[in-house]
Amino acid sequence: MTIRERLEQEEEQRLSSRACLSVRSAGRERPAEPCPMRTDFQRDRDRILHSKAFRRLKYKTQVFLSPEGDHYRTRLTHTLEVSQIARTIARCLQLNEDLTEAIALGHDLGHTPFGHIGERALDELMPEGFRHNEQSMRVVDVLENDGRGLNLTYEVRRGILTHSGSIFPETLEAECVRRADRIAYLNHDLDDALRGGVLREFELPADCLKALGATHGERINRMIADIVDNSQQGDRLAMSPVMQSAMDGLRDFMFERVYRDEWRAKEEKRCEGVIRQLFSYYSEHPGEMPEEFVLTGYQEGTARAVCDFISCMTDRYAIRIYQKLFVPSGFALF
């Protein structure tokens, strides 16, 4: 018996009947020889973790644009927090933690520079629109590994796609990630907004905090515990009406005071301008993109290639390319 086979047996003995077991995976689009040491979901997690797209998350915006402070979240730290929360829920419910972790680590690989600002800009520029969850799927299916993709299992790919948007998850593990994503961003964005002076403690909605908790850690713990307590049975995860109402109220407050407030307007326009000008430039000069995107242009059209190129950029890379193309440099003196 290989180590993988022993791990698969342990899954069957340990996990809930509601869990998605590795041996029951719908498989990969391209057949692959099983790993002797890792289950298929563990293998997917490792492929995502070692991908270039995962490393780029370190320099992509979460909410605060190019933060100078060391403690503000980036898209990478957001992903790690989502993974931790989702794995805790999955472990408590005896679901497949490896599948949950793989989905969580891959869920935001398709995010643009400047966060949702860049996403909105590309959504307006692309004829078919742009949604980061769909782009995350494209990253793992097509863009990574020199155009061959990561060849992930069906369950991980669908979990990445359905972590947001109108399509609902097909597994409870994917739903863990969908719920963990919201828990993570509401709490860490609130924490960052307080740290950055955008909000003050006395401004926070008291009725929501009464149910959710007064501190960052208390709020996360209560949300997780509530999901676990209300999801012991059935094919869906659930929250109590009181906790769900408080969470929705906090989300509404964050959209009003942080995500759409006037303090972001000027920087958002600048970021949108960077995305739009880069899109226009490379649409007119597609041959100046890296070779893999030039090839995509031949196969799928220039707009698709330019969109892929820009969405892969980190904040600082987008700014550097913008400066190189559009900001005059000084003349050397001879």
C-alpha atoms as a PDB file:
ATOM      1  CA  MET A   1       0.000   0.000   0.000  1.00  0.00           C
ATOM      2  CA  THR A   2       1.352   3.428  -0.943  1.00  0.00           C
ATOM      3  CA  ILE A   3       1.260   6.426   1.373  1.00  0.00           C
ATOM      4  CA  ARG A   4      -1.422   7.970  -0.848  1.00  0.00           C
ATOM      5  CA  GLU A   5      -3.618   4.890  -0.569  1.00  0.00           C
ATOM      6  CA  ARG A   6      -3.246   4.916   3.218  1.00  0.00           C
ATOM      7  CA  LEU A   7      -4.254   8.585   3.310  1.00  0.00           C
ATOM      8  CA  GLU A   8      -7.261   7.841   1.120  1.00  0.00           C
ATOM      9  CA  GLN A   9      -8.315   5.058   3.478  1.00  0.00           C
ATOM     10  CA  GLU A  10      -7.953   7.389   6.448  1.00  0.00           C
ATOM     11  CA  GLU A  11     -10.217   9.910   4.706  1.00  0.00           C
ATOM     12  CA  GLU A  12     -12.953   7.289   4.342  1.00  0.00           C
ATOM     13  CA  GLN A  13     -12.687   6.336   8.016  1.00  0.00           C
ATOM     14  CA  ARG A  14     -12.364   9.846   9.456  1.00  0.00           C
ATOM     15  CA  LEU A  15     -14.448  12.208   7.320  1.00  0.00           C
ATOM     16  CA  SER A  16     -18.169  12.810   7.304  1.00  0.00           C
ATOM     17  CA  SER A  17     -20.411  11.146   4.740  1.00  0.00           C
ATOM     18  CA  ARG A  18     -20.981  14.703   3.429  1.00  0.00           C
ATOM     19  CA  ALA A  19     -17.290  15.190   2.657  1.00  0.00           C
ATOM     20  CA  CYS A  20     -15.791  14.995  -0.828  1.00  0.00           C
ATOM     21  CA  LEU A  21     -13.265  12.155  -0.716  1.00  0.00           C
ATOM     22  CA  SER A  22     -10.140  12.168  -2.877  1.00  0.00           C
ATOM     23  CA  VAL A  23     -10.912   8.724  -4.317  1.00  0.00           C
ATOM     24  CA  ARG A  24     -14.298   9.992  -5.524  1.00  0.00           C
ATOM     25  CA  SER A  25     -12.917  12.953  -7.420  1.00  0.00           C
ATOM     26  CA  ALA A  26     -14.274  13.446 -10.936  1.00  0.00           C
ATOM     27  CA  GLY A  27     -10.633  13.625 -11.999  1.00  0.00           C
ATOM     28  CA  ARG A  28      -8.532  15.856 -14.217  1.00  0.00           C
ATOM     29  CA  GLU A  29      -9.082  17.023 -17.778  1.00  0.00           C
ATOM     30  CA  ARG A  30      -5.818  15.326 -18.737  1.00  0.00           C
ATOM     31  CA  PRO A  31      -5.078  11.941 -17.125  1.00  0.00           C
ATOM     32  CA  ALA A  32      -2.102  11.943 -14.757  1.00  0.00           C
ATOM     33  CA  GLU A  33      -0.257   9.194 -12.959  1.00  0.00           C
ATOM     34  CA  PRO A  34      -1.265   9.282  -9.249  1.00  0.00           C
ATOM     35  CA  CYS A  35       1.337  10.510  -6.785  1.00  0.00           C
ATOM     36  CA  PRO A  36       2.513   7.741  -4.421  1.00  0.00           C
ATOM     37  CA  MET A  37       2.669  10.146  -1.444  1.00  0.00           C
ATOM     38  CA  ARG A  38      -0.150  12.677  -1.918  1.00  0.00           C
ATOM     39  CA  THR A  39      -3.859  12.489  -2.580  1.00  0.00           C
ATOM     40  CA  ASP A  40      -5.128  14.308  -5.676  1.00  0.00           C
ATOM     41  CA  PHE A  41      -6.361  17.257  -3.614  1.00  0.00           C
ATOM     42  CA  GLN A  42      -3.049  17.546  -1.763  1.00  0.00           C
ATOM     43  CA  ARG A  43      -1.296  17.524  -5.111  1.00  0.00           C
ATOM     44  CA  ASP A  44      -3.560  20.322  -6.378  1.00  0.00           C
ATOM     45  CA  ARG A  45      -2.794  22.395  -3.291  1.00  0.00           C
ATOM     46  CA  ASP A  46       0.925  22.044  -3.931  1.00  0.00           C
ATOM     47  CA  ARG A  47       0.597  22.935  -7.614  1.00  0.00           C
ATOM     48  CA  ILE A  48      -1.222  26.137  -6.694  1.00  0.00           C
ATOM     49  CA  LEU A  49       1.199  26.996  -3.911  1.00  0.00           C
ATOM     50  CA  HIS A  50       4.198  26.718  -6.254  1.00  0.00           C
ATOM     51  CA  SER A  51       2.601  28.629  -9.139  1.00  0.00           C
ATOM     52  CA  LYS A  52       3.791  32.015 -10.360  1.00  0.00           C
ATOM     53  CA  ALA A  53       0.295  33.438 -10.000  1.00  0.00           C
ATOM     54  CA  PHE A  54       0.304  32.612  -6.284  1.00  0.00           C
ATOM     55  CA  ARG A  55       3.605  34.408  -5.753  1.00  0.00           C
ATOM     56  CA  ARG A  56       2.292  37.512  -7.509  1.00  0.00           C
ATOM     57  CA  LEU A  57      -0.502  37.877  -4.935  1.00  0.00           C
ATOM     58  CA  LYS A  58       2.094  39.351  -2.573  1.00  0.00           C
ATOM     59  CA  TYR A  59       2.106  42.596  -4.577  1.00  0.00           C
ATOM     60  CA  LYS A  60      -1.595  42.868  -5.425  1.00  0.00           C
ATOM     61  CA  THR A  61      -3.984  45.192  -3.623  1.00  0.00           C
ATOM     62  CA  GLN A  62      -6.608  43.955  -1.196  1.00  0.00           C
ATOM     63  CA  VAL A  63      -8.298  47.286  -0.285  1.00  0.00           C
ATOM     64  CA  PHE A  64      -5.570  49.794   0.528  1.00  0.00           C
ATOM     65  CA  LEU A  65      -3.629  50.705  -2.600  1.00  0.00           C
ATOM     66  CA  SER A  66       0.131  50.131  -2.357  1.00  0.00           C
ATOM     67  CA  PRO A  67       0.090  50.465   1.442  1.00  0.00           C
ATOM     68  CA  GLU A  68       3.266  51.797   3.011  1.00  0.00           C
ATOM     69  CA  GLY A  69       2.592  50.220   6.406  1.00  0.00           C
ATOM     70  CA  ASP A  70       3.888  46.714   6.989  1.00  0.00           C
ATOM     71  CA  HIS A  71       0.679  45.408   8.534  1.00  0.00           C
ATOM     72  CA  TYR A  72      -1.939  46.148   5.880  1.00  0.00           C
ATOM     73  CA  ARG A  73      -3.343  43.165   4.035  1.00  0.00           C
ATOM     74  CA  THR A  74      -2.414  42.268   0.498  1.00  0.00           C
ATOM     75  CA  ARG A  75      -4.154  39.782  -1.788  1.00  0.00           C
ATOM     76  CA  LEU A  76      -1.710  37.132  -0.539  1.00  0.00           C
ATOM     77  CA  THR A  77      -2.371  37.639   3.160  1.00  0.00           C
ATOM     78  CA  HIS A  78      -6.100  37.722   2.397  1.00  0.00           C
ATOM     79  CA  THR A  79      -5.757  34.342   0.671  1.00  0.00           C
ATOM     80  CA  LEU A  80      -3.918  32.866   3.649  1.00  0.00           C
ATOM     81  CA  GLU A  81      -6.560  34.155   6.063  1.00  0.00           C
ATOM     82  CA  VAL A  82      -9.332  32.695   3.895  1.00  0.00           C
ATOM     83  CA  SER A  83      -7.487  29.376   3.887  1.00  0.00           C
ATOM     84  CA  GLN A  84      -7.156  29.341   7.678  1.00  0.00           C
ATOM     85  CA  ILE A  85     -10.832  30.174   8.271  1.00  0.00           C
ATOM     86  CA  ALA A  86     -12.100  27.724   5.646  1.00  0.00           C
ATOM     87  CA  ARG A  87      -9.904  24.923   6.960  1.00  0.00           C
ATOM     88  CA  THR A  88     -11.149  25.502  10.511  1.00  0.00           C
ATOM     89  CA  ILE A  89     -14.775  25.222   9.379  1.00  0.00           C
ATOM     90  CA  ALA A  90     -13.998  22.125   7.303  1.00  0.00           C
ATOM     91  CA  ARG A  91     -12.109  20.449  10.143  1.00  0.00           C
ATOM     92  CA  CYS A  92     -14.905  21.076  12.637  1.00  0.00           C
ATOM     93  CA  LEU A  93     -17.477  19.625  10.228  1.00  0.00           C
ATOM     94  CA  GLN A  94     -15.241  16.657   9.311  1.00  0.00           C
ATOM     95  CA  LEU A  95     -15.023  17.746   5.684  1.00  0.00           C
ATOM     96  CA  ASN A  96     -12.010  17.346   3.390  1.00  0.00           C
ATOM     97  CA  GLU A  97      -9.503  19.907   4.610  1.00  0.00           C
ATOM     98  CA  ASP A  98      -7.097  19.292   1.714  1.00  0.00           C
ATOM     99  CA  LEU A  99      -9.749  20.089  -0.892  1.00  0.00           C
ATOM    100  CA  THR A 100     -10.807  23.145   1.100  1.00  0.00           C
ATOM    101  CA  GLU A 101      -7.232  24.418   1.310  1.00  0.00           C
ATOM    102  CA  ALA A 102      -6.576  23.932  -2.403  1.00  0.00           C
ATOM    103  CA  ILE A 103      -9.683  25.916  -3.350  1.00  0.00           C
ATOM    104  CA  ALA A 104      -8.864  28.666  -0.860  1.00  0.00           C
ATOM    105  CA  LEU A 105      -5.277  29.073  -2.050  1.00  0.00           C
ATOM    106  CA  GLY A 106      -6.418  29.316  -5.682  1.00  0.00           C
ATOM    107  CA  HIS A 107      -9.573  31.374  -5.346  1.00  0.00           C
ATOM    108  CA  ASP A 108      -8.048  34.810  -6.090  1.00  0.00           C
ATOM    109  CA  LEU A 109      -5.273  33.904  -8.554  1.00  0.00           C
ATOM    110  CA  GLY A 110      -7.097  35.818 -11.305  1.00  0.00           C
ATOM    111  CA  HIS A 111      -7.391  39.089  -9.426  1.00  0.00           C
ATOM    112  CA  THR A 112      -6.161  42.198 -11.201  1.00  0.00           C
ATOM    113  CA  PRO A 113      -3.732  44.863 -10.029  1.00  0.00           C
ATOM    114  CA  PHE A 114      -5.452  47.450  -7.787  1.00  0.00           C
ATOM    115  CA  GLY A 115      -8.025  44.921  -6.570  1.00  0.00           C
ATOM    116  CA  HIS A 116     -11.652  45.403  -7.515  1.00  0.00           C
ATOM    117  CA  ILE A 117     -10.794  48.744  -9.144  1.00  0.00           C
ATOM    118  CA  GLY A 118      -8.825  46.923 -11.818  1.00  0.00           C
ATOM    119  CA  GLU A 119     -11.554  44.298 -12.077  1.00  0.00           C
ATOM    120  CA  ARG A 120     -14.203  46.943 -12.792  1.00  0.00           C
ATOM    121  CA  ALA A 121     -12.004  48.593 -15.413  1.00  0.00           C
ATOM    122  CA  LEU A 122     -11.394  45.346 -17.299  1.00  0.00           C
ATOM    123  CA  ASP A 123     -15.063  44.439 -16.980  1.00  0.00           C
ATOM    124  CA  GLU A 124     -15.908  47.607 -18.913  1.00  0.00           C
ATOM    125  CA  LEU A 125     -13.133  47.122 -21.468  1.00  0.00           C
ATOM    126  CA  MET A 126     -13.766  43.486 -22.349  1.00  0.00           C
ATOM    127  CA  PRO A 127     -16.733  42.804 -24.683  1.00  0.00           C
ATOM    128  CA  GLU A 128     -17.715  39.726 -22.663  1.00  0.00           C
ATOM    129  CA  GLY A 129     -16.938  41.391 -19.337  1.00  0.00           C
ATOM    130  CA  PHE A 130     -14.417  40.356 -16.705  1.00  0.00           C
ATOM    131  CA  ARG A 131     -14.910  38.582 -13.392  1.00  0.00           C
ATOM    132  CA  HIS A 132     -11.974  37.623 -11.222  1.00  0.00           C
ATOM    133  CA  ASN A 133     -13.365  34.201 -10.280  1.00  0.00           C
ATOM    134  CA  GLU A 134     -13.578  33.267 -13.966  1.00  0.00           C
ATOM    135  CA  GLN A 135     -10.086  34.622 -14.541  1.00  0.00           C
ATOM    136  CA  SER A 136      -8.805  32.541 -11.604  1.00  0.00           C
ATOM    137  CA  MET A 137     -10.192  29.503 -13.393  1.00  0.00           C
ATOM    138  CA  ARG A 138      -8.441  30.599 -16.591  1.00  0.00           C
ATOM    139  CA  VAL A 139      -5.157  31.003 -14.718  1.00  0.00           C
ATOM    140  CA  VAL A 140      -5.177  27.420 -13.450  1.00  0.00           C
ATOM    141  CA  ASP A 141      -6.596  25.972 -16.698  1.00  0.00           C
ATOM    142  CA  VAL A 142      -4.592  27.884 -19.304  1.00  0.00           C
ATOM    143  CA  LEU A 143      -2.126  30.564 -18.231  1.00  0.00           C
ATOM    144  CA  GLU A 144       0.067  28.738 -15.741  1.00  0.00           C
ATOM    145  CA  ASN A 145       2.790  26.244 -16.650  1.00  0.00           C
ATOM    146  CA  ASP A 146       3.684  27.855 -19.991  1.00  0.00           C
ATOM    147  CA  GLY A 147       0.154  27.653 -21.333  1.00  0.00           C
ATOM    148  CA  ARG A 148      -0.522  24.078 -20.210  1.00  0.00           C
ATOM    149  CA  GLY A 149      -2.314  25.018 -17.021  1.00  0.00           C
ATOM    150  CA  LEU A 150      -2.059  23.175 -13.710  1.00  0.00           C
ATOM    151  CA  ASN A 151      -4.436  20.358 -14.714  1.00  0.00           C
ATOM    152  CA  LEU A 152      -6.303  20.468 -11.401  1.00  0.00           C
ATOM    153  CA  THR A 153      -9.125  18.192 -10.354  1.00  0.00           C
ATOM    154  CA  TYR A 154     -12.702  19.063 -11.222  1.00  0.00           C
ATOM    155  CA  GLU A 155     -13.647  19.772  -7.588  1.00  0.00           C
ATOM    156  CA  VAL A 156     -10.849  22.296  -7.047  1.00  0.00           C
ATOM    157  CA  ARG A 157     -11.528  24.054 -10.350  1.00  0.00           C
ATOM    158  CA  ARG A 158     -15.259  24.340  -9.679  1.00  0.00           C
ATOM    159  CA  GLY A 159     -14.589  25.519  -6.141  1.00  0.00           C
ATOM    160  CA  ILE A 160     -12.370  28.304  -7.438  1.00  0.00           C
ATOM    161  CA  LEU A 161     -15.012  29.339  -9.965  1.00  0.00           C
ATOM    162  CA  THR A 162     -17.880  29.354  -7.476  1.00  0.00           C
ATOM    163  CA  HIS A 163     -16.191  31.114  -4.553  1.00  0.00           C
ATOM    164  CA  SER A 164     -18.106  34.227  -5.671  1.00  0.00           C
ATOM    165  CA  GLY A 165     -20.763  35.084  -8.213  1.00  0.00           C
ATOM    166  CA  SER A 166     -24.160  33.600  -8.989  1.00  0.00           C
ATOM    167  CA  ILE A 167     -23.105  29.955  -9.446  1.00  0.00           C
ATOM    168  CA  PHE A 168     -23.363  28.112  -6.141  1.00  0.00           C
ATOM    169  CA  PRO A 169     -20.677  25.663  -4.937  1.00  0.00           C
ATOM    170  CA  GLU A 170     -21.124  21.960  -5.646  1.00  0.00           C
ATOM    171  CA  THR A 171     -19.300  20.715  -2.542  1.00  0.00           C
ATOM    172  CA  LEU A 172     -19.442  21.710   1.104  1.00  0.00           C
ATOM    173  CA  GLU A 173     -15.687  22.275   0.970  1.00  0.00           C
ATOM    174  CA  ALA A 174     -16.165  24.907  -1.737  1.00  0.00           C
ATOM    175  CA  GLU A 175     -18.905  26.499   0.336  1.00  0.00           C
ATOM    176  CA  CYS A 176     -16.497  26.685   3.276  1.00  0.00           C
ATOM    177  CA  VAL A 177     -14.227  28.829   1.092  1.00  0.00           C
ATOM    178  CA  ARG A 178     -17.097  30.998  -0.166  1.00  0.00           C
ATOM    179  CA  ARG A 179     -18.165  31.781   3.389  1.00  0.00           C
ATOM    180  CA  ALA A 180     -14.594  32.128   4.666  1.00  0.00           C
ATOM    181  CA  ASP A 181     -13.860  34.662   1.929  1.00  0.00           C
ATOM    182  CA  ARG A 182     -16.574  36.981   3.231  1.00  0.00           C
ATOM    183  CA  ILE A 183     -15.645  36.437   6.883  1.00  0.00           C
ATOM    184  CA  ALA A 184     -12.011  37.211   6.116  1.00  0.00           C
ATOM    185  CA  TYR A 185     -12.439  40.327   4.022  1.00  0.00           C
ATOM    186  CA  LEU A 186     -15.064  41.936   6.260  1.00  0.00           C
ATOM    187  CA  ASN A 187     -12.925  41.507   9.349  1.00  0.00           C
ATOM    188  CA  HIS A 188      -9.485  42.277   7.987  1.00  0.00           C
ATOM    189  CA  ASP A 189     -10.712  45.217   5.898  1.00  0.00           C
ATOM    190  CA  LEU A 190     -12.338  46.640   9.020  1.00  0.00           C
ATOM    191  CA  ASP A 191      -9.086  46.104  10.903  1.00  0.00           C
ATOM    192  CA  ASP A 192      -7.090  47.862   8.151  1.00  0.00           C
ATOM    193  CA  ALA A 193      -9.581  50.733   7.971  1.00  0.00           C
ATOM    194  CA  LEU A 194      -9.193  51.313  11.728  1.00  0.00           C
ATOM    195  CA  ARG A 195      -5.407  51.113  11.444  1.00  0.00           C
ATOM    196  CA  GLY A 196      -5.407  53.583   8.555  1.00  0.00           C
ATOM    197  CA  GLY A 197      -7.632  56.109  10.324  1.00  0.00           C
ATOM    198  CA  VAL A 198     -10.439  55.720   7.789  1.00  0.00           C
ATOM    199  CA  LEU A 199     -12.731  54.556  10.615  1.00  0.00           C
ATOM    200  CA  ARG A 200     -12.749  55.077  14.363  1.00  0.00           C
ATOM    201  CA  GLU A 201     -14.012  52.633  16.950  1.00  0.00           C
ATOM    202  CA  PHE A 202     -16.953  54.812  18.011  1.00  0.00           C
ATOM    203  CA  GLU A 203     -18.216  54.934  14.403  1.00  0.00           C
ATOM    204  CA  LEU A 204     -18.696  51.180  14.086  1.00  0.00           C
ATOM    205  CA  PRO A 205     -22.294  49.851  14.042  1.00  0.00           C
ATOM    206  CA  ALA A 206     -22.990  48.939  17.669  1.00  0.00           C
ATOM    207  CA  ASP A 207     -25.948  46.679  16.875  1.00  0.00           C
ATOM    208  CA  CYS A 208     -23.787  44.523  14.585  1.00  0.00           C
ATOM    209  CA  LEU A 209     -20.866  44.354  16.997  1.00  0.00           C
ATOM    210  CA  LYS A 210     -23.179  43.285  19.827  1.00  0.00           C
ATOM    211  CA  ALA A 211     -23.782  40.024  17.965  1.00  0.00           C
ATOM    212  CA  LEU A 212     -20.432  39.709  16.201  1.00  0.00           C
ATOM    213  CA  GLY A 213     -18.046  40.739  18.968  1.00  0.00           C
ATOM    214  CA  ALA A 214     -15.973  43.739  19.984  1.00  0.00           C
ATOM    215  CA  THR A 215     -12.557  42.600  18.744  1.00  0.00           C
ATOM    216  CA  HIS A 216     -11.151  41.255  15.480  1.00  0.00           C
ATOM    217  CA  GLY A 217     -10.480  37.803  16.913  1.00  0.00           C
ATOM    218  CA  GLU A 218     -13.806  37.598  18.716  1.00  0.00           C
ATOM    219  CA  ARG A 219     -15.742  38.431  15.545  1.00  0.00           C
ATOM    220  CA  ILE A 220     -13.995  35.781  13.467  1.00  0.00           C
ATOM    221  CA  ASN A 221     -14.398  33.168  16.194  1.00  0.00           C
ATOM    222  CA  ARG A 222     -18.117  33.849  16.615  1.00  0.00           C
ATOM    223  CA  MET A 223     -18.792  33.721  12.878  1.00  0.00           C
ATOM    224  CA  ILE A 224     -16.965  30.416  12.496  1.00  0.00           C
ATOM    225  CA  ALA A 225     -18.626  28.907  15.583  1.00  0.00           C
ATOM    226  CA  ASP A 226     -22.057  29.974  14.374  1.00  0.00           C
ATOM    227  CA  ILE A 227     -21.549  28.315  10.971  1.00  0.00           C
ATOM    228  CA  VAL A 228     -20.299  25.118  12.619  1.00  0.00           C
ATOM    229  CA  ASP A 229     -23.222  25.040  15.084  1.00  0.00           C
ATOM    230  CA  ASN A 230     -25.787  25.559  12.314  1.00  0.00           C
ATOM    231  CA  SER A 231     -24.262  23.243   9.691  1.00  0.00           C
ATOM    232  CA  GLN A 232     -24.113  19.864  11.416  1.00  0.00           C
ATOM    233  CA  GLN A 233     -26.596  18.375   8.966  1.00  0.00           C
ATOM    234  CA  GLY A 234     -27.800  18.907   5.423  1.00  0.00           C
ATOM    235  CA  ASP A 235     -26.113  19.670   2.110  1.00  0.00           C
ATOM    236  CA  ARG A 236     -25.615  23.395   2.747  1.00  0.00           C
ATOM    237  CA  LEU A 237     -23.769  25.499   5.299  1.00  0.00           C
ATOM    238  CA  ALA A 238     -25.861  27.909   7.324  1.00  0.00           C
ATOM    239  CA  MET A 239     -25.720  30.763   9.818  1.00  0.00           C
ATOM    240  CA  SER A 240     -28.233  31.652  12.493  1.00  0.00           C
ATOM    241  CA  PRO A 241     -30.594  34.488  11.491  1.00  0.00           C
ATOM    242  CA  VAL A 242     -29.130  36.761  14.174  1.00  0.00           C
ATOM    243  CA  MET A 243     -25.520  36.239  13.076  1.00  0.00           C
ATOM    244  CA  GLN A 244     -26.370  36.452   9.362  1.00  0.00           C
ATOM    245  CA  SER A 245     -28.244  39.719   9.898  1.00  0.00           C
ATOM    246  CA  ALA A 246     -25.350  41.206  11.881  1.00  0.00           C
ATOM    247  CA  MET A 247     -22.833  40.122   9.245  1.00  0.00           C
ATOM    248  CA  ASP A 248     -24.954  41.597   6.435  1.00  0.00           C
ATOM    249  CA  GLY A 249     -25.266  44.821   8.413  1.00  0.00           C
ATOM    250  CA  LEU A 250     -21.491  45.048   8.831  1.00  0.00           C
ATOM    251  CA  ARG A 251     -21.042  44.398   5.116  1.00  0.00           C
ATOM    252  CA  ASP A 252     -23.463  47.220   4.248  1.00  0.00           C
ATOM    253  CA  PHE A 253     -21.582  49.519   6.623  1.00  0.00           C
ATOM    254  CA  MET A 254     -18.227  48.619   5.037  1.00  0.00           C
ATOM    255  CA  PHE A 255     -19.507  49.285   1.529  1.00  0.00           C
ATOM    256  CA  GLU A 256     -20.839  52.669   2.599  1.00  0.00           C
ATOM    257  CA  ARG A 257     -17.873  53.834   4.655  1.00  0.00           C
ATOM    258  CA  VAL A 258     -14.857  52.035   3.193  1.00  0.00           C
ATOM    259  CA  TYR A 259     -15.349  50.342  -0.171  1.00  0.00           C
ATOM    260  CA  ARG A 260     -17.261  53.211  -1.841  1.00  0.00           C
ATOM    261  CA  ASP A 261     -16.353  56.208   0.263  1.00  0.00           C
ATOM    262  CA  GLU A 262     -15.030  59.495  -1.147  1.00  0.00           C
ATOM    263  CA  TRP A 263     -11.547  58.948   0.291  1.00  0.00           C
ATOM    264  CA  ARG A 264     -10.942  56.314  -2.395  1.00  0.00           C
ATOM    265  CA  ALA A 265     -12.352  58.244  -5.360  1.00  0.00           C
ATOM    266  CA  LYS A 266      -9.200  60.082  -6.474  1.00  0.00           C
ATOM    267  CA  GLU A 267      -6.936  57.051  -6.243  1.00  0.00           C
ATOM    268  CA  GLU A 268      -9.540  54.861  -7.948  1.00  0.00           C
ATOM    269  CA  LYS A 269      -9.665  57.185 -10.941  1.00  0.00           C
ATOM    270  CA  ARG A 270      -5.881  57.091 -11.210  1.00  0.00           C
ATOM    271  CA  CYS A 271      -5.823  53.306 -11.039  1.00  0.00           C
ATOM    272  CA  GLU A 272      -8.577  53.010 -13.631  1.00  0.00           C
ATOM    273  CA  GLY A 273      -6.602  55.383 -15.830  1.00  0.00           C
ATOM    274  CA  VAL A 274      -3.527  53.167 -15.596  1.00  0.00           C
ATOM    275  CA  ILE A 275      -5.516  50.055 -16.562  1.00  0.00           C
ATOM    276  CA  ARG A 276      -7.313  51.781 -19.437  1.00  0.00           C
ATOM    277  CA  GLN A 277      -4.176  53.308 -20.931  1.00  0.00           C
ATOM    278  CA  LEU A 278      -2.251  50.053 -20.680  1.00  0.00           C
ATOM    279  CA  PHE A 279      -5.149  48.211 -22.323  1.00  0.00           C
ATOM    280  CA  SER A 280      -5.295  50.764 -25.136  1.00  0.00           C
ATOM    281  CA  TYR A 281      -1.536  50.745 -25.683  1.00  0.00           C
ATOM    282  CA  TYR A 282      -1.107  46.981 -25.857  1.00  0.00           C
ATOM    283  CA  SER A 283      -4.209  46.630 -28.017  1.00  0.00           C
ATOM    284  CA  GLU A 284      -2.411  48.833 -30.545  1.00  0.00           C
ATOM    285  CA  HIS A 285       1.036  47.276 -29.928  1.00  0.00           C
ATOM    286  CA  PRO A 286       0.344  43.593 -29.117  1.00  0.00           C
ATOM    287  CA  GLY A 287       3.788  42.534 -30.286  1.00  0.00           C
ATOM    288  CA  GLU A 288       5.345  44.316 -27.287  1.00  0.00           C
ATOM    289  CA  MET A 289       3.746  41.928 -24.811  1.00  0.00           C
ATOM    290  CA  PRO A 290       5.657  38.873 -23.577  1.00  0.00           C
ATOM    291  CA  GLU A 291       5.737  36.010 -26.055  1.00  0.00           C
ATOM    292  CA  GLU A 292       3.113  33.849 -24.348  1.00  0.00           C
ATOM    293  CA  PHE A 293       0.549  36.636 -24.570  1.00  0.00           C
ATOM    294  CA  VAL A 294       1.416  37.339 -28.204  1.00  0.00           C
ATOM    295  CA  LEU A 295       0.635  33.686 -28.899  1.00  0.00           C
ATOM    296  CA  THR A 296      -2.670  34.015 -27.055  1.00  0.00           C
ATOM    297  CA  GLY A 297      -3.470  36.970 -29.281  1.00  0.00           C
ATOM    298  CA  TYR A 298      -3.058  34.811 -32.390  1.00  0.00           C
ATOM    299  CA  GLN A 299      -5.198  32.050 -30.920  1.00  0.00           C
ATOM    300  CA  GLU A 300      -7.942  33.940 -29.072  1.00  0.00           C
ATOM    301  CA  GLY A 301      -7.761  37.555 -30.195  1.00  0.00           C
ATOM    302  CA  THR A 302      -5.856  40.627 -29.080  1.00  0.00           C
ATOM    303  CA  ALA A 303      -8.369  41.767 -26.456  1.00  0.00           C
ATOM    304  CA  ARG A 304      -8.196  38.407 -24.660  1.00  0.00           C
ATOM    305  CA  ALA A 305      -4.396  38.471 -24.697  1.00  0.00           C
ATOM    306  CA  VAL A 306      -4.179  42.043 -23.404  1.00  0.00           C
ATOM    307  CA  CYS A 307      -6.700  41.249 -20.669  1.00  0.00           C
ATOM    308  CA  ASP A 308      -4.660  38.231 -19.563  1.00  0.00           C
ATOM    309  CA  PHE A 309      -1.447  40.252 -19.560  1.00  0.00           C
ATOM    310  CA  ILE A 310      -2.858  43.125 -17.514  1.00  0.00           C
ATOM    311  CA  SER A 311      -4.740  40.924 -15.048  1.00  0.00           C
ATOM    312  CA  CYS A 312      -1.508  39.047 -14.313  1.00  0.00           C
ATOM    313  CA  MET A 313       0.318  42.260 -13.394  1.00  0.00           C
ATOM    314  CA  THR A 314       1.078  43.213  -9.815  1.00  0.00           C
ATOM    315  CA  ASP A 315       0.339  46.770  -8.701  1.00  0.00           C
ATOM    316  CA  ARG A 316       3.946  47.824  -8.829  1.00  0.00           C
ATOM    317  CA  TYR A 317       4.593  46.205 -12.205  1.00  0.00           C
ATOM    318  CA  ALA A 318       1.563  47.957 -13.730  1.00  0.00           C
ATOM    319  CA  ILE A 319       2.743  51.295 -12.351  1.00  0.00           C
ATOM    320  CA  ARG A 320       6.302  50.709 -13.566  1.00  0.00           C
ATOM    321  CA  ILE A 321       5.152  49.821 -17.102  1.00  0.00           C
ATOM    322  CA  TYR A 322       2.797  52.800 -17.128  1.00  0.00           C
ATOM    323  CA  GLN A 323       5.638  55.124 -16.133  1.00  0.00           C
ATOM    324  CA  LYS A 324       7.896  53.622 -18.772  1.00  0.00           C
ATOM    325  CA  LEU A 325       5.315  54.106 -21.524  1.00  0.00           C
ATOM    326  CA  PHE A 326       3.655  57.398 -20.588  1.00  0.00           C
ATOM    327  CA  VAL A 327       5.795  59.408 -18.151  1.00  0.00           C
ATOM    328  CA  PRO A 328       8.591  61.448 -19.772  1.00  0.00           C
ATOM    329  CA  SER A 329      12.084  60.823 -18.481  1.00  0.00           C
ATOM    330  CA  GLY A 330      14.810  63.418 -18.153  1.00  0.00           C
ATOM    331  CA  PHE A 331      17.265  64.032 -20.954  1.00  0.00           C
ATOM    332  CA  ALA A 332      20.862  62.975 -20.379  1.00  0.00           C
ATOM    333  CA  LEU A 333      23.426  65.771 -20.630  1.00  0.00           C
ATOM    334  CA  PHE A 334      26.356  65.173 -22.937  1.00  0.00           C
END
